[in-house]
């Protein structure tokens, strides 16, 4: 599992599998801030959290690998 945070987009991504972008076959938005990615076998392979700073404490965000755009 890998957790990354893009400060510019304020988005966190939790990759549950070592995946390639092409491996995402379906994406479902659970609400305005939570998006779930599935592979061809309908297995969850990633979760994106938008507006992450509103949904996750600053202390928790501080421990996540940052992505630089």
Protein backbone atom coordinates (compact mmCIF):
# COMPACT_ATOMS: atom_id res chain seq x y z
CA UNK A 1 0.00 0.00 0.00
CA UNK A 2 1.21 3.50 -0.82
CA UNK A 3 -0.34 6.74 0.40
CA UNK A 4 0.49 10.02 -1.35
CA UNK A 5 -0.72 13.58 -0.94
CA UNK A 6 -0.74 16.29 -3.61
CA UNK A 7 -0.68 19.59 -1.72
CA UNK A 8 -1.52 21.67 -4.79
CA UNK A 9 -4.64 19.61 -5.57
CA UNK A 10 -5.32 18.92 -1.87
CA UNK A 11 -5.88 15.28 -2.80
CA UNK A 12 -4.72 12.08 -1.10
CA UNK A 13 -4.45 8.79 -2.97
CA UNK A 14 -4.29 5.42 -1.26
CA UNK A 15 -2.97 2.80 -3.70
CA UNK A 16 -3.89 -0.61 -2.30
CA UNK A 17 -2.06 -2.47 -5.05
CA UNK A 18 1.08 -1.79 -7.02
CA UNK A 19 -0.85 -0.51 -10.02
CA UNK A 20 -0.43 1.17 -13.34
CA UNK A 21 -2.89 3.86 -14.46
CA UNK A 22 -4.20 1.51 -17.16
CA UNK A 23 -5.20 -1.04 -14.52
CA UNK A 24 -8.09 1.18 -13.38
CA UNK A 25 -11.17 -0.12 -15.20
CA UNK A 26 -13.93 1.56 -13.20
CA UNK A 27 -14.18 4.57 -10.93
CA UNK A 28 -17.08 5.26 -8.58
CA UNK A 29 -17.60 8.46 -6.60
CA UNK A 30 -19.01 7.63 -3.17
CA UNK A 31 -19.61 11.32 -2.48
CA UNK A 32 -18.11 14.67 -3.48
CA UNK A 33 -14.78 13.86 -1.81
CA UNK A 34 -14.27 10.07 -1.98
CA UNK A 35 -13.53 8.24 -5.24
CA UNK A 36 -12.84 4.50 -5.48
CA UNK A 37 -10.91 2.84 -8.33
CA UNK A 38 -11.50 -0.79 -9.34
CA UNK A 39 -9.55 -3.18 -11.56
CA UNK A 40 -11.03 -5.46 -14.25
CA UNK A 41 -11.99 -8.01 -11.56
CA UNK A 42 -13.94 -5.37 -9.61
CA UNK A 43 -11.34 -5.39 -6.84
CA UNK A 44 -10.67 -2.06 -5.11
CA UNK A 45 -7.18 -0.92 -6.05
CA UNK A 46 -7.21 2.70 -4.94
CA UNK A 47 -9.07 5.38 -3.05
CA UNK A 48 -8.80 9.11 -3.70
CA UNK A 49 -9.76 11.66 -1.07
CA UNK A 50 -10.41 15.13 -2.45
CA UNK A 51 -10.31 18.18 -0.18
CA UNK A 52 -8.05 16.03 1.95
CA UNK A 53 -7.15 18.83 4.37
CA UNK A 54 -10.85 19.10 5.28
CA UNK A 55 -11.24 15.35 5.78
CA UNK A 56 -7.92 14.37 7.39
CA UNK A 57 -6.06 16.03 10.24
CA UNK A 58 -2.94 18.07 9.48
CA UNK A 59 -0.94 15.74 11.70
CA UNK A 60 -1.97 12.73 9.61
CA UNK A 61 -1.28 14.56 6.35
CA UNK A 62 2.20 15.39 7.62
CA UNK A 63 3.13 11.71 7.67
CA UNK A 64 2.15 11.09 4.03
CA UNK A 65 4.50 11.11 1.04
CA UNK A 66 4.11 14.46 -0.74
CA UNK A 67 3.81 14.72 -4.54
CA UNK A 68 5.32 17.73 -6.23
CA UNK A 69 3.72 18.89 -9.49
